Protein backbone atom coordinates (compact mmCIF):
# COMPACT_ATOMS: atom_id res chain seq x y z
CA ALA A 1 61.58 -11.13 -36.07
CA ASN A 2 59.93 -7.79 -36.77
CA SER A 3 62.15 -6.29 -39.46
CA GLY A 4 60.06 -3.13 -39.84
CA SER A 5 60.46 -2.19 -36.17
CA ASP A 6 63.98 -3.62 -35.55
CA GLU A 7 62.92 -5.94 -32.75
CA ILE A 8 62.22 -9.54 -31.84
CA ALA A 9 58.93 -10.60 -30.28
CA ALA A 10 59.40 -13.39 -27.72
CA PHE A 11 56.99 -16.00 -26.40
CA THR A 12 57.01 -18.99 -24.08
CA VAL A 13 55.30 -22.17 -25.23
CA GLY A 14 52.83 -23.66 -22.78
CA GLY A 15 50.71 -26.75 -22.67
CA GLY A 16 49.06 -27.62 -25.96
CA GLY A 17 51.40 -25.20 -27.75
CA VAL A 18 49.76 -22.08 -26.34
CA LEU A 19 52.00 -19.00 -26.81
CA THR A 20 52.36 -16.39 -24.07
CA ALA A 21 54.30 -13.17 -24.59
CA THR A 22 57.38 -12.82 -22.39
CA THR A 23 57.95 -9.84 -20.11
CA PRO A 24 59.16 -7.74 -21.80
CA ALA A 25 57.39 -8.90 -24.96
CA VAL A 26 59.88 -7.43 -27.46
CA PHE A 27 63.65 -7.07 -27.57
CA ALA A 28 65.33 -4.37 -29.66
CA THR A 29 67.96 -5.44 -32.19
CA GLY A 30 69.20 -1.89 -32.91
CA PRO A 31 68.35 0.84 -35.41
CA GLY A 32 68.43 -0.29 -39.04
CA THR A 33 69.10 -3.96 -38.26
CA ALA A 34 65.97 -5.31 -40.04
CA PRO A 35 65.97 -8.73 -38.29
CA PHE A 36 64.65 -11.51 -40.53
CA GLY A 37 65.51 -15.16 -39.88
CA VAL A 38 65.36 -16.70 -36.40
CA THR A 39 66.46 -20.04 -34.97
CA VAL A 40 67.10 -21.56 -31.52
CA SER A 41 70.09 -23.75 -30.65
CA LEU A 42 69.42 -27.44 -30.10
CA ASN A 43 70.00 -27.08 -26.35
CA GLY A 44 67.47 -24.21 -26.19
CA GLN A 45 69.97 -21.82 -24.59
CA PHE A 46 70.63 -19.47 -27.54
CA LEU A 47 68.58 -17.57 -30.11
CA TYR A 48 70.17 -16.44 -33.39
CA VAL A 49 68.74 -13.74 -35.66
CA THR A 50 69.87 -12.68 -39.13
CA ASN A 51 70.01 -8.90 -39.50
CA THR A 52 69.66 -7.84 -43.14
CA GLY A 53 70.59 -4.19 -42.48
CA PRO A 54 74.17 -4.64 -41.18
CA ASP A 55 74.55 -8.14 -42.74
CA ASN A 56 75.24 -9.93 -39.49
CA VAL A 57 73.84 -12.49 -37.05
CA ALA A 58 72.84 -11.38 -33.56
CA ALA A 59 73.08 -13.91 -30.73
CA PHE A 60 71.12 -13.93 -27.48
CA THR A 61 71.04 -16.19 -24.45
CA ILE A 62 67.56 -17.37 -23.52
CA GLY A 63 66.99 -16.87 -19.81
CA PRO A 64 64.19 -17.76 -17.40
CA GLY A 65 60.77 -16.88 -18.78
CA GLY A 66 62.25 -16.54 -22.29
CA VAL A 67 64.04 -13.26 -21.55
CA LEU A 68 66.71 -12.55 -24.20
CA THR A 69 70.15 -11.14 -23.34
CA PRO A 70 72.72 -10.27 -26.04
CA THR A 71 75.85 -12.43 -26.00
CA VAL A 72 79.36 -10.94 -25.90
CA PRO A 73 80.14 -10.24 -28.67
CA ALA A 74 76.52 -9.55 -29.63
CA THR A 75 76.85 -9.85 -33.42
CA PHE A 76 78.82 -11.89 -35.95
CA SER A 77 79.50 -10.89 -39.56
CA THR A 78 77.98 -13.10 -42.26
CA GLY A 79 80.56 -12.08 -44.83
CA GLY A 80 77.68 -11.70 -47.29
CA THR A 81 74.75 -9.45 -48.01
CA ASN A 82 71.11 -9.56 -46.89
CA PRO A 83 71.10 -12.77 -44.83
CA SER A 84 67.51 -13.95 -44.85
CA GLY A 85 67.58 -17.32 -43.16
CA ILE A 86 69.53 -19.29 -40.58
CA GLY A 87 69.63 -22.93 -39.58
CA VAL A 88 71.03 -25.07 -36.80
CA PRO A 89 72.40 -28.53 -37.68
CA GLY A 90 69.96 -31.18 -36.53
CA ARG A 91 66.98 -28.81 -36.54
CA PRO A 92 64.56 -28.76 -39.52
């Protein structure tokens, strides 16, 4: 998450753990969102990002080549302020 530029940088993981930027390499989260924490669902199909600006969680599907597409709805309220981390049960 790139909170200063309101975007998420995405990579695929290759052999030996080598990272390769996706095409496109960044995905906008919206003006003033300040994305911070990131996690991936256990099945690898969804990416979740905490947005400290609007105090919500953005959800994306992970498509072929790591391309991110916002879910519908795209965001979910945290009910709190400045969410800075996110976890998925079963994932460290």
